Amino acid sequence: MYLCYIDESGTSNIPGNTSHFVLAGLSIPIWHWRDADRDISAVMNRYNLANSELHTAWLMRKYLEQSRIPDFDQLNYSDRKSAVVRYRNTYLLDLQRKQAHKTYRQSRKNYDHTADYVHLTLAERQKLIFEIAQKVSHWGFARLFAECIDKTHFDPLRTNASVDEQAFEQVVSRFERYLQSTDTTQGQRNYGLIVHDNNKTIARKHTNLMREFHKKGTLWTSIERIIETPLFVDSELTRLVQIADLCCYAIRRYLENGEVDLFARVFERADRRNQTVVGVRHFSTPTCDCLICQERKTNSI
């Protein structure tokens, strides 16, 4: 039995506010689930984040207030957190006095999302993410599947599907084919379950799509090994969905900004056959020379 943890990065709307939409799934055999969870927890514990969510995008942001606190880097974790909380509370109160409601709401949202991380400098937060990505790169038991869509080259009329629908069908198809490839010579059949970040806007859509795939198959394959419809979970409570989030972030930042270091670590786990990447695809121009497209040149999926 294999679990495939799925998350997304970027907006599926066209044009939206990102050039790419990435849907990624990380497959883990259930007998290695505890090993993977233990690896991540060990790193998080070292950074005083044992009970916190690993949300890569929020961790990798600059927190301007840290640069405005004298000798912030020299403070211990507890003093750093106290100093940031004082600064943020003062700033929010000032916004309320000025009746700057829009800025107040946005600032409050940002502060809520980053509250667990303020005791770490940006360099420490980056180090945390890279350490975890390095752990993932060494998980020989894991396989990464991802559909990375450059929306400037996507025509929903031609594909007869929306951006997120195409991405989901592709990831499901590749996970199914991977499960088929894991059969043993003794005839054992392996099965899989999709564990999806609970995004309310797509939960119903992807559930209905999966039901159709079970009935009719996808464009690429019949669905014989993936059981049930996706299990939607709160990413805050599930470490491996948080790792899928990290993979999505790394892939999109590479495709949009050319950031290679983090991408190279998670790309190690892309599903491959005969040294050719089959698990990750960049939907773009035929002349694209990114690392994903280079490693898929002989692949037809």
C-alpha atoms as a PDB file:
ATOM      1  CA  MET A   1       0.000   0.000   0.000  1.00  0.00           C
ATOM      2  CA  TYR A   2       1.284   3.442  -0.976  1.00  0.00           C
ATOM      3  CA  LEU A   3       0.097   6.887   0.124  1.00  0.00           C
ATOM      4  CA  CYS A   4       0.438   9.806  -2.308  1.00  0.00           C
ATOM      5  CA  TYR A   5       0.381  13.184  -0.541  1.00  0.00           C
ATOM      6  CA  ILE A   6      -0.791  15.990  -2.827  1.00  0.00           C
ATOM      7  CA  ASP A   7      -0.566  19.783  -2.636  1.00  0.00           C
ATOM      8  CA  GLU A   8      -0.395  22.712  -5.040  1.00  0.00           C
ATOM      9  CA  SER A   9       1.484  25.959  -5.566  1.00  0.00           C
ATOM     10  CA  GLY A  10       0.431  28.973  -7.592  1.00  0.00           C
ATOM     11  CA  THR A  11      -3.048  29.853  -8.774  1.00  0.00           C
ATOM     12  CA  SER A  12      -4.939  27.801 -11.325  1.00  0.00           C
ATOM     13  CA  ASN A  13      -6.845  30.873 -12.533  1.00  0.00           C
ATOM     14  CA  ILE A  14      -5.824  32.373 -15.877  1.00  0.00           C
ATOM     15  CA  PRO A  15      -4.037  34.729 -15.770  1.00  0.00           C
ATOM     16  CA  GLY A  16      -4.010  34.749 -11.949  1.00  0.00           C
ATOM     17  CA  ASN A  17      -1.022  36.174 -10.084  1.00  0.00           C
ATOM     18  CA  THR A  18       1.490  33.416 -10.926  1.00  0.00           C
ATOM     19  CA  SER A  19       2.759  32.297 -14.330  1.00  0.00           C
ATOM     20  CA  HIS A  20       2.780  28.635 -13.277  1.00  0.00           C
ATOM     21  CA  PHE A  21       0.488  26.258 -11.472  1.00  0.00           C
ATOM     22  CA  VAL A  22       2.114  23.193  -9.907  1.00  0.00           C
ATOM     23  CA  LEU A  23       0.319  20.163  -8.500  1.00  0.00           C
ATOM     24  CA  ALA A  24       2.667  17.661  -6.876  1.00  0.00           C
ATOM     25  CA  GLY A  25       2.249  14.308  -5.209  1.00  0.00           C
ATOM     26  CA  LEU A  26       4.827  12.526  -3.074  1.00  0.00           C
ATOM     27  CA  SER A  27       4.321   8.755  -2.816  1.00  0.00           C
ATOM     28  CA  ILE A  28       5.449   6.912   0.323  1.00  0.00           C
ATOM     29  CA  PRO A  29       5.013   3.162   0.972  1.00  0.00           C
ATOM     30  CA  ILE A  30       3.152   2.761   4.246  1.00  0.00           C
ATOM     31  CA  TRP A  31       5.987   0.757   5.785  1.00  0.00           C
ATOM     32  CA  HIS A  32       8.240   3.839   5.458  1.00  0.00           C
ATOM     33  CA  TRP A  33       5.703   6.386   6.673  1.00  0.00           C
ATOM     34  CA  ARG A  34       7.064   6.458  10.217  1.00  0.00           C
ATOM     35  CA  ASP A  35      10.660   6.770   8.968  1.00  0.00           C
ATOM     36  CA  ALA A  36       9.760   9.820   6.894  1.00  0.00           C
ATOM     37  CA  ASP A  37       7.767  11.446   9.682  1.00  0.00           C
ATOM     38  CA  ARG A  38      10.605  10.836  12.140  1.00  0.00           C
ATOM     39  CA  ASP A  39      13.147  12.444   9.785  1.00  0.00           C
ATOM     40  CA  ILE A  40      11.112  15.626   9.460  1.00  0.00           C
ATOM     41  CA  SER A  41      10.257  15.830  13.142  1.00  0.00           C
ATOM     42  CA  ALA A  42      13.926  15.552  14.095  1.00  0.00           C
ATOM     43  CA  VAL A  43      14.799  18.609  12.014  1.00  0.00           C
ATOM     44  CA  MET A  44      11.786  20.603  13.195  1.00  0.00           C
ATOM     45  CA  ASN A  45      12.638  19.856  16.840  1.00  0.00           C
ATOM     46  CA  ARG A  46      16.114  21.365  16.438  1.00  0.00           C
ATOM     47  CA  TYR A  47      14.522  24.666  15.421  1.00  0.00           C
ATOM     48  CA  ASN A  48      11.928  24.722  18.236  1.00  0.00           C
ATOM     49  CA  LEU A  49       9.124  23.925  15.774  1.00  0.00           C
ATOM     50  CA  ALA A  50       8.035  20.535  17.098  1.00  0.00           C
ATOM     51  CA  ASN A  51       4.322  21.415  17.104  1.00  0.00           C
ATOM     52  CA  SER A  52       4.321  23.842  14.175  1.00  0.00           C
ATOM     53  CA  GLU A  53       3.263  23.476  10.571  1.00  0.00           C
ATOM     54  CA  LEU A  54       5.981  23.408   7.943  1.00  0.00           C
ATOM     55  CA  HIS A  55       4.649  26.000   5.510  1.00  0.00           C
ATOM     56  CA  THR A  56       7.500  26.674   3.125  1.00  0.00           C
ATOM     57  CA  ALA A  57       6.268  29.870   1.472  1.00  0.00           C
ATOM     58  CA  TRP A  58       5.702  31.623   4.810  1.00  0.00           C
ATOM     59  CA  LEU A  59       9.002  30.386   6.210  1.00  0.00           C
ATOM     60  CA  MET A  60      10.979  31.678   3.220  1.00  0.00           C
ATOM     61  CA  ARG A  61       9.641  35.244   3.414  1.00  0.00           C
ATOM     62  CA  LYS A  62      11.511  38.186   4.870  1.00  0.00           C
ATOM     63  CA  TYR A  63      10.040  39.499   8.119  1.00  0.00           C
ATOM     64  CA  LEU A  64      10.878  43.215   7.950  1.00  0.00           C
ATOM     65  CA  GLU A  65      10.379  43.783  11.660  1.00  0.00           C
ATOM     66  CA  GLN A  66      13.318  41.501  12.417  1.00  0.00           C
ATOM     67  CA  SER A  67      15.651  43.910  10.591  1.00  0.00           C
ATOM     68  CA  ARG A  68      14.303  46.792  12.704  1.00  0.00           C
ATOM     69  CA  ILE A  69      15.062  45.165  16.046  1.00  0.00           C
ATOM     70  CA  PRO A  70      18.599  46.051  17.210  1.00  0.00           C
ATOM     71  CA  ASP A  71      20.993  43.061  17.348  1.00  0.00           C
ATOM     72  CA  PHE A  72      18.188  40.648  16.532  1.00  0.00           C
ATOM     73  CA  ASP A  73      20.623  37.924  15.441  1.00  0.00           C
ATOM     74  CA  GLN A  74      22.372  38.059  18.813  1.00  0.00           C
ATOM     75  CA  LEU A  75      19.223  37.420  20.879  1.00  0.00           C
ATOM     76  CA  ASN A  76      18.178  33.961  22.031  1.00  0.00           C
ATOM     77  CA  TYR A  77      14.997  32.372  20.680  1.00  0.00           C
ATOM     78  CA  SER A  78      12.804  33.537  23.549  1.00  0.00           C
ATOM     79  CA  ASP A  79      13.979  37.146  23.418  1.00  0.00           C
ATOM     80  CA  ARG A  80      13.633  37.261  19.650  1.00  0.00           C
ATOM     81  CA  LYS A  81      10.022  36.107  19.841  1.00  0.00           C
ATOM     82  CA  SER A  82       9.173  38.631  22.569  1.00  0.00           C
ATOM     83  CA  ALA A  83      10.766  41.477  20.622  1.00  0.00           C
ATOM     84  CA  VAL A  84       8.895  40.603  17.410  1.00  0.00           C
ATOM     85  CA  VAL A  85       5.556  40.251  19.227  1.00  0.00           C
ATOM     86  CA  ARG A  86       6.015  43.669  20.864  1.00  0.00           C
ATOM     87  CA  TYR A  87       6.906  45.259  17.538  1.00  0.00           C
ATOM     88  CA  ARG A  88       3.971  43.682  15.739  1.00  0.00           C
ATOM     89  CA  ASN A  89       1.431  44.588  18.428  1.00  0.00           C
ATOM     90  CA  THR A  90       2.634  48.188  18.425  1.00  0.00           C
ATOM     91  CA  TYR A  91       2.370  48.355  14.658  1.00  0.00           C
ATOM     92  CA  LEU A  92      -1.140  46.852  14.586  1.00  0.00           C
ATOM     93  CA  LEU A  93      -2.356  49.285  17.248  1.00  0.00           C
ATOM     94  CA  ASP A  94      -0.947  52.174  15.229  1.00  0.00           C
ATOM     95  CA  LEU A  95      -2.798  50.956  12.121  1.00  0.00           C
ATOM     96  CA  GLN A  96      -6.031  50.787  14.108  1.00  0.00           C
ATOM     97  CA  ARG A  97      -5.589  54.358  15.324  1.00  0.00           C
ATOM     98  CA  LYS A  98      -5.024  55.479  11.750  1.00  0.00           C
ATOM     99  CA  GLN A  99      -8.049  53.426  10.628  1.00  0.00           C
ATOM    100  CA  ALA A 100      -5.902  51.788   7.963  1.00  0.00           C
ATOM    101  CA  HIS A 101      -8.257  48.851   7.796  1.00  0.00           C
ATOM    102  CA  LYS A 102      -6.973  47.176   4.630  1.00  0.00           C
ATOM    103  CA  THR A 103      -3.331  47.300   5.731  1.00  0.00           C
ATOM    104  CA  TYR A 104      -4.335  46.120   9.207  1.00  0.00           C
ATOM    105  CA  ARG A 105      -6.164  43.063   7.846  1.00  0.00           C
ATOM    106  CA  GLN A 106      -3.298  42.090   5.551  1.00  0.00           C
ATOM    107  CA  SER A 107      -0.691  42.602   8.255  1.00  0.00           C
ATOM    108  CA  ARG A 108      -2.710  40.603  10.764  1.00  0.00           C
ATOM    109  CA  LYS A 109      -3.010  37.759   8.259  1.00  0.00           C
ATOM    110  CA  ASN A 110       0.745  37.776   7.616  1.00  0.00           C
ATOM    111  CA  TYR A 111       1.493  37.815  11.333  1.00  0.00           C
ATOM    112  CA  ASP A 112      -0.877  34.932  12.055  1.00  0.00           C
ATOM    113  CA  HIS A 113       0.767  32.772   9.375  1.00  0.00           C
ATOM    114  CA  THR A 114       4.315  33.491  10.555  1.00  0.00           C
ATOM    115  CA  ALA A 115       3.838  33.619  14.351  1.00  0.00           C
ATOM    116  CA  ASP A 116       5.475  30.235  14.939  1.00  0.00           C
ATOM    117  CA  TYR A 117       8.614  31.160  12.998  1.00  0.00           C
ATOM    118  CA  VAL A 118       9.596  34.611  14.298  1.00  0.00           C
ATOM    119  CA  HIS A 119      12.318  33.290  16.622  1.00  0.00           C
ATOM    120  CA  LEU A 120      14.309  32.237  13.540  1.00  0.00           C
ATOM    121  CA  THR A 121      16.270  34.558  11.290  1.00  0.00           C
ATOM    122  CA  LEU A 122      15.744  34.331   7.529  1.00  0.00           C
ATOM    123  CA  ALA A 123      19.056  32.482   7.194  1.00  0.00           C
ATOM    124  CA  GLU A 124      17.958  29.969   9.836  1.00  0.00           C
ATOM    125  CA  ARG A 125      14.590  29.463   8.184  1.00  0.00           C
ATOM    126  CA  GLN A 126      16.251  28.887   4.834  1.00  0.00           C
ATOM    127  CA  LYS A 127      18.639  26.418   6.446  1.00  0.00           C
ATOM    128  CA  LEU A 128      15.682  24.571   7.975  1.00  0.00           C
ATOM    129  CA  ILE A 129      13.966  24.187   4.598  1.00  0.00           C
ATOM    130  CA  PHE A 130      17.158  23.073   2.871  1.00  0.00           C
ATOM    131  CA  GLU A 131      17.878  20.510   5.602  1.00  0.00           C
ATOM    132  CA  ILE A 132      14.435  19.001   5.185  1.00  0.00           C
ATOM    133  CA  ALA A 133      14.729  19.000   1.387  1.00  0.00           C
ATOM    134  CA  GLN A 134      18.056  17.211   1.764  1.00  0.00           C
ATOM    135  CA  LYS A 135      16.349  14.557   3.888  1.00  0.00           C
ATOM    136  CA  VAL A 136      13.703  14.099   1.193  1.00  0.00           C
ATOM    137  CA  SER A 137      16.368  13.786  -1.513  1.00  0.00           C
ATOM    138  CA  HIS A 138      17.707  10.717   0.296  1.00  0.00           C
ATOM    139  CA  TRP A 139      14.336   8.955   0.570  1.00  0.00           C
ATOM    140  CA  GLY A 140      14.963   6.229  -1.976  1.00  0.00           C
ATOM    141  CA  PHE A 141      11.541   4.804  -1.141  1.00  0.00           C
ATOM    142  CA  ALA A 142       9.699   7.998  -2.200  1.00  0.00           C
ATOM    143  CA  ARG A 143       8.542   9.030  -5.668  1.00  0.00           C
ATOM    144  CA  LEU A 144       7.623  12.532  -6.807  1.00  0.00           C
ATOM    145  CA  PHE A 145       4.893  13.180  -9.378  1.00  0.00           C
ATOM    146  CA  ALA A 146       4.102  16.698 -10.568  1.00  0.00           C
ATOM    147  CA  GLU A 147       2.359  18.560 -13.356  1.00  0.00           C
ATOM    148  CA  CYS A 148       3.836  22.041 -13.832  1.00  0.00           C
ATOM    149  CA  ILE A 149       1.700  24.161 -16.135  1.00  0.00           C
ATOM    150  CA  ASP A 150       2.956  27.361 -17.739  1.00  0.00           C
ATOM    151  CA  LYS A 151      -0.387  29.124 -18.030  1.00  0.00           C
ATOM    152  CA  THR A 152       0.794  31.381 -20.874  1.00  0.00           C
ATOM    153  CA  HIS A 153       0.800  28.249 -23.063  1.00  0.00           C
ATOM    154  CA  PHE A 154      -2.377  26.629 -21.737  1.00  0.00           C
ATOM    155  CA  ASP A 155      -5.575  26.695 -23.818  1.00  0.00           C
ATOM    156  CA  PRO A 156      -8.568  25.310 -21.850  1.00  0.00           C
ATOM    157  CA  LEU A 157     -10.642  25.103 -25.040  1.00  0.00           C
ATOM    158  CA  ARG A 158      -8.060  22.877 -26.699  1.00  0.00           C
ATOM    159  CA  THR A 159      -7.530  20.655 -23.666  1.00  0.00           C
ATOM    160  CA  ASN A 160     -11.225  20.619 -22.725  1.00  0.00           C
ATOM    161  CA  ALA A 161     -10.174  20.912 -19.085  1.00  0.00           C
ATOM    162  CA  SER A 162      -9.211  23.583 -16.597  1.00  0.00           C
ATOM    163  CA  VAL A 163      -5.640  23.999 -15.371  1.00  0.00           C
ATOM    164  CA  ASP A 164      -6.203  22.153 -12.102  1.00  0.00           C
ATOM    165  CA  GLU A 165      -8.241  19.396 -13.799  1.00  0.00           C
ATOM    166  CA  GLN A 166      -5.432  18.637 -16.244  1.00  0.00           C
ATOM    167  CA  ALA A 167      -2.877  18.699 -13.439  1.00  0.00           C
ATOM    168  CA  PHE A 168      -4.900  16.318 -11.295  1.00  0.00           C
ATOM    169  CA  GLU A 169      -5.489  13.868 -14.154  1.00  0.00           C
ATOM    170  CA  GLN A 170      -1.780  13.819 -14.957  1.00  0.00           C
ATOM    171  CA  VAL A 171      -0.653  13.231 -11.364  1.00  0.00           C
ATOM    172  CA  VAL A 172      -3.268  10.508 -10.852  1.00  0.00           C
ATOM    173  CA  SER A 173      -2.202   8.794 -14.098  1.00  0.00           C
ATOM    174  CA  ARG A 174       1.473   8.779 -13.144  1.00  0.00           C
ATOM    175  CA  PHE A 175       0.792   7.508  -9.641  1.00  0.00           C
ATOM    176  CA  GLU A 176      -1.353   4.697 -11.102  1.00  0.00           C
ATOM    177  CA  ARG A 177       1.360   3.708 -13.562  1.00  0.00           C
ATOM    178  CA  TYR A 178       3.961   3.737 -10.805  1.00  0.00           C
ATOM    179  CA  LEU A 179       1.791   1.420  -8.691  1.00  0.00           C
ATOM    180  CA  GLN A 180       1.509  -0.954 -11.644  1.00  0.00           C
ATOM    181  CA  SER A 181       5.307  -0.992 -11.948  1.00  0.00           C
ATOM    182  CA  THR A 182       5.742  -2.085  -8.310  1.00  0.00           C
ATOM    183  CA  ASP A 183       4.191  -5.523  -8.803  1.00  0.00           C
ATOM    184  CA  THR A 184       6.403  -8.331  -7.571  1.00  0.00           C
ATOM    185  CA  THR A 185       7.395 -11.426  -9.538  1.00  0.00           C
ATOM    186  CA  GLN A 186       5.187 -13.403  -7.132  1.00  0.00           C
ATOM    187  CA  GLY A 187       2.141 -11.566  -8.488  1.00  0.00           C
ATOM    188  CA  GLN A 188       1.549  -9.235  -5.528  1.00  0.00           C
ATOM    189  CA  ARG A 189      -0.496  -6.188  -6.530  1.00  0.00           C
ATOM    190  CA  ASN A 190       0.177  -2.919  -4.722  1.00  0.00           C
ATOM    191  CA  TYR A 191      -2.525  -0.327  -4.153  1.00  0.00           C
ATOM    192  CA  GLY A 192      -2.522   3.366  -3.379  1.00  0.00           C
ATOM    193  CA  LEU A 193      -4.556   6.100  -1.718  1.00  0.00           C
ATOM    194  CA  ILE A 194      -4.373   9.832  -2.448  1.00  0.00           C
ATOM    195  CA  VAL A 195      -4.088  12.127   0.579  1.00  0.00           C
ATOM    196  CA  HIS A 196      -4.936  15.662  -0.571  1.00  0.00           C
ATOM    197  CA  ASP A 197      -4.536  19.023   1.132  1.00  0.00           C
ATOM    198  CA  ASN A 198      -8.039  20.138   2.108  1.00  0.00           C
ATOM    199  CA  ASN A 199      -8.626  22.999  -0.292  1.00  0.00           C
ATOM    200  CA  LYS A 200     -12.378  23.585  -0.156  1.00  0.00           C
ATOM    201  CA  THR A 201     -12.503  25.108  -3.622  1.00  0.00           C
ATOM    202  CA  ILE A 202     -11.270  21.926  -5.298  1.00  0.00           C
ATOM    203  CA  ALA A 203     -12.264  19.116  -2.901  1.00  0.00           C
ATOM    204  CA  ARG A 204     -15.610  18.480  -4.560  1.00  0.00           C
ATOM    205  CA  LYS A 205     -14.197  18.861  -8.061  1.00  0.00           C
ATOM    206  CA  HIS A 206     -11.337  16.422  -7.520  1.00  0.00           C
ATOM    207  CA  THR A 207     -13.619  13.956  -5.741  1.00  0.00           C
ATOM    208  CA  ASN A 208     -15.970  13.939  -8.722  1.00  0.00           C
ATOM    209  CA  LEU A 209     -13.044  13.662 -11.151  1.00  0.00           C
ATOM    210  CA  MET A 210     -11.692  10.667  -9.273  1.00  0.00           C
ATOM    211  CA  ARG A 211     -15.075   8.965  -9.442  1.00  0.00           C
ATOM    212  CA  GLU A 212     -15.047   9.440 -13.219  1.00  0.00           C
ATOM    213  CA  PHE A 213     -11.500   8.104 -13.451  1.00  0.00           C
ATOM    214  CA  HIS A 214     -12.566   4.970 -11.585  1.00  0.00           C
ATOM    215  CA  LYS A 215     -15.400   4.468 -14.083  1.00  0.00           C
ATOM    216  CA  LYS A 216     -13.737   5.431 -17.362  1.00  0.00           C
ATOM    217  CA  GLY A 217     -10.021   5.778 -16.654  1.00  0.00           C
ATOM    218  CA  THR A 218      -7.929   8.817 -17.521  1.00  0.00           C
ATOM    219  CA  LEU A 219      -6.659   9.781 -20.955  1.00  0.00           C
ATOM    220  CA  TRP A 220      -3.526   7.772 -20.183  1.00  0.00           C
ATOM    221  CA  THR A 221      -4.569   4.709 -18.202  1.00  0.00           C
ATOM    222  CA  SER A 222      -7.339   2.815 -16.480  1.00  0.00           C
ATOM    223  CA  ILE A 223      -7.433   3.202 -12.703  1.00  0.00           C
ATOM    224  CA  GLU A 224      -6.982  -0.209 -11.114  1.00  0.00           C
ATOM    225  CA  ARG A 225      -4.618   0.386  -8.184  1.00  0.00           C
ATOM    226  CA  ILE A 226      -5.705   3.709  -6.673  1.00  0.00           C
ATOM    227  CA  ILE A 227      -8.526   3.026  -4.243  1.00  0.00           C
ATOM    228  CA  GLU A 228     -11.337   5.344  -3.171  1.00  0.00           C
ATOM    229  CA  THR A 229     -11.612   9.073  -3.795  1.00  0.00           C
ATOM    230  CA  PRO A 230      -8.966  11.404  -2.309  1.00  0.00           C
ATOM    231  CA  LEU A 231      -8.766  11.699   1.449  1.00  0.00           C
ATOM    232  CA  PHE A 232      -8.776  15.440   2.175  1.00  0.00           C
ATOM    233  CA  VAL A 233      -6.857  16.435   5.297  1.00  0.00           C
ATOM    234  CA  ASP A 234      -5.775  19.612   7.076  1.00  0.00           C
ATOM    235  CA  SER A 235      -2.132  20.146   6.092  1.00  0.00           C
ATOM    236  CA  GLU A 236      -1.454  21.672   9.512  1.00  0.00           C
ATOM    237  CA  LEU A 237      -1.905  18.206  11.014  1.00  0.00           C
ATOM    238  CA  THR A 238      -0.136  16.084   8.408  1.00  0.00           C
ATOM    239  CA  ARG A 239       3.648  16.307   7.995  1.00  0.00           C
ATOM    240  CA  LEU A 240       3.808  14.554   4.621  1.00  0.00           C
ATOM    241  CA  VAL A 241       1.302  16.926   3.006  1.00  0.00           C
ATOM    242  CA  GLN A 242       3.606  19.701   4.249  1.00  0.00           C
ATOM    243  CA  ILE A 243       6.459  17.997   2.384  1.00  0.00           C
ATOM    244  CA  ALA A 244       4.329  17.937  -0.772  1.00  0.00           C
ATOM    245  CA  ASP A 245       3.882  21.684  -0.227  1.00  0.00           C
ATOM    246  CA  LEU A 246       7.666  22.086  -0.013  1.00  0.00           C
ATOM    247  CA  CYS A 247       8.075  20.170  -3.292  1.00  0.00           C
ATOM    248  CA  CYS A 248       5.484  22.358  -5.046  1.00  0.00           C
ATOM    249  CA  TYR A 249       7.147  25.513  -3.786  1.00  0.00           C
ATOM    250  CA  ALA A 250      10.609  24.369  -4.891  1.00  0.00           C
ATOM    251  CA  ILE A 251       9.422  23.433  -8.382  1.00  0.00           C
ATOM    252  CA  ARG A 252       7.481  26.647  -8.988  1.00  0.00           C
ATOM    253  CA  ARG A 253      10.295  28.875  -7.679  1.00  0.00           C
ATOM    254  CA  TYR A 254      12.675  27.114 -10.049  1.00  0.00           C
ATOM    255  CA  LEU A 255      10.418  27.503 -13.082  1.00  0.00           C
ATOM    256  CA  GLU A 256       9.469  31.111 -12.345  1.00  0.00           C
ATOM    257  CA  ASN A 257      12.640  32.455 -10.745  1.00  0.00           C
ATOM    258  CA  GLY A 258      15.421  30.051 -11.699  1.00  0.00           C
ATOM    259  CA  GLU A 259      16.071  29.034  -8.064  1.00  0.00           C
ATOM    260  CA  VAL A 260      17.917  25.738  -8.493  1.00  0.00           C
ATOM    261  CA  ASP A 261      19.252  24.697  -5.077  1.00  0.00           C
ATOM    262  CA  LEU A 262      15.999  23.676  -3.397  1.00  0.00           C
ATOM    263  CA  PHE A 263      14.541  22.310  -6.627  1.00  0.00           C
ATOM    264  CA  ALA A 264      17.540  20.056  -7.264  1.00  0.00           C
ATOM    265  CA  ARG A 265      17.040  18.337  -3.913  1.00  0.00           C
ATOM    266  CA  VAL A 266      13.357  17.451  -4.377  1.00  0.00           C
ATOM    267  CA  PHE A 267      13.823  16.653  -8.083  1.00  0.00           C
ATOM    268  CA  GLU A 268      16.051  13.759  -6.996  1.00  0.00           C
ATOM    269  CA  ARG A 269      12.849  11.942  -6.060  1.00  0.00           C
ATOM    270  CA  ALA A 270      11.100  12.386  -9.437  1.00  0.00           C
ATOM    271  CA  ASP A 271       9.843   9.036 -10.717  1.00  0.00           C
ATOM    272  CA  ARG A 272      12.227   7.759 -13.399  1.00  0.00           C
ATOM    273  CA  ARG A 273      12.354   4.820 -15.782  1.00  0.00           C
ATOM    274  CA  ASN A 274      15.649   3.955 -17.442  1.00  0.00           C
ATOM    275  CA  GLN A 275      17.098   7.269 -16.228  1.00  0.00           C
ATOM    276  CA  THR A 276      14.290   9.245 -17.918  1.00  0.00           C
ATOM    277  CA  VAL A 277      11.967  11.369 -15.807  1.00  0.00           C
ATOM    278  CA  VAL A 278       8.381  10.192 -16.162  1.00  0.00           C
ATOM    279  CA  GLY A 279       6.859  11.506 -12.943  1.00  0.00           C
ATOM    280  CA  VAL A 280       7.286  15.260 -13.468  1.00  0.00           C
ATOM    281  CA  ARG A 281       6.288  17.250 -16.539  1.00  0.00           C
ATOM    282  CA  HIS A 282       6.642  20.924 -17.459  1.00  0.00           C
ATOM    283  CA  PHE A 283       3.730  21.875 -19.736  1.00  0.00           C
ATOM    284  CA  SER A 284       5.402  24.622 -21.763  1.00  0.00           C
ATOM    285  CA  THR A 285       6.887  25.336 -25.194  1.00  0.00           C
ATOM    286  CA  PRO A 286       8.646  22.520 -27.105  1.00  0.00           C
ATOM    287  CA  THR A 287      11.844  24.586 -26.952  1.00  0.00           C
ATOM    288  CA  CYS A 288      11.916  24.875 -23.158  1.00  0.00           C
ATOM    289  CA  ASP A 289      15.361  23.905 -21.853  1.00  0.00           C
ATOM    290  CA  CYS A 290      14.612  23.655 -18.120  1.00  0.00           C
ATOM    291  CA  LEU A 291      15.984  20.644 -16.243  1.00  0.00           C
ATOM    292  CA  ILE A 292      12.578  18.960 -16.223  1.00  0.00           C
ATOM    293  CA  CYS A 293      12.183  19.182 -19.995  1.00  0.00           C
ATOM    294  CA  GLN A 294      15.779  18.105 -20.577  1.00  0.00           C
ATOM    295  CA  GLU A 295      15.264  14.921 -18.562  1.00  0.00           C
ATOM    296  CA  ARG A 296      11.957  14.078 -20.289  1.00  0.00           C
ATOM    297  CA  LYS A 297      13.175  14.262 -23.883  1.00  0.00           C
ATOM    298  CA  THR A 298      12.668  10.559 -24.546  1.00  0.00           C
ATOM    299  CA  ASN A 299       9.419  10.337 -22.589  1.00  0.00           C
ATOM    300  CA  SER A 300       5.955  10.366 -24.158  1.00  0.00           C
ATOM    301  CA  ILE A 301       3.621  10.719 -21.143  1.00  0.00           C
END
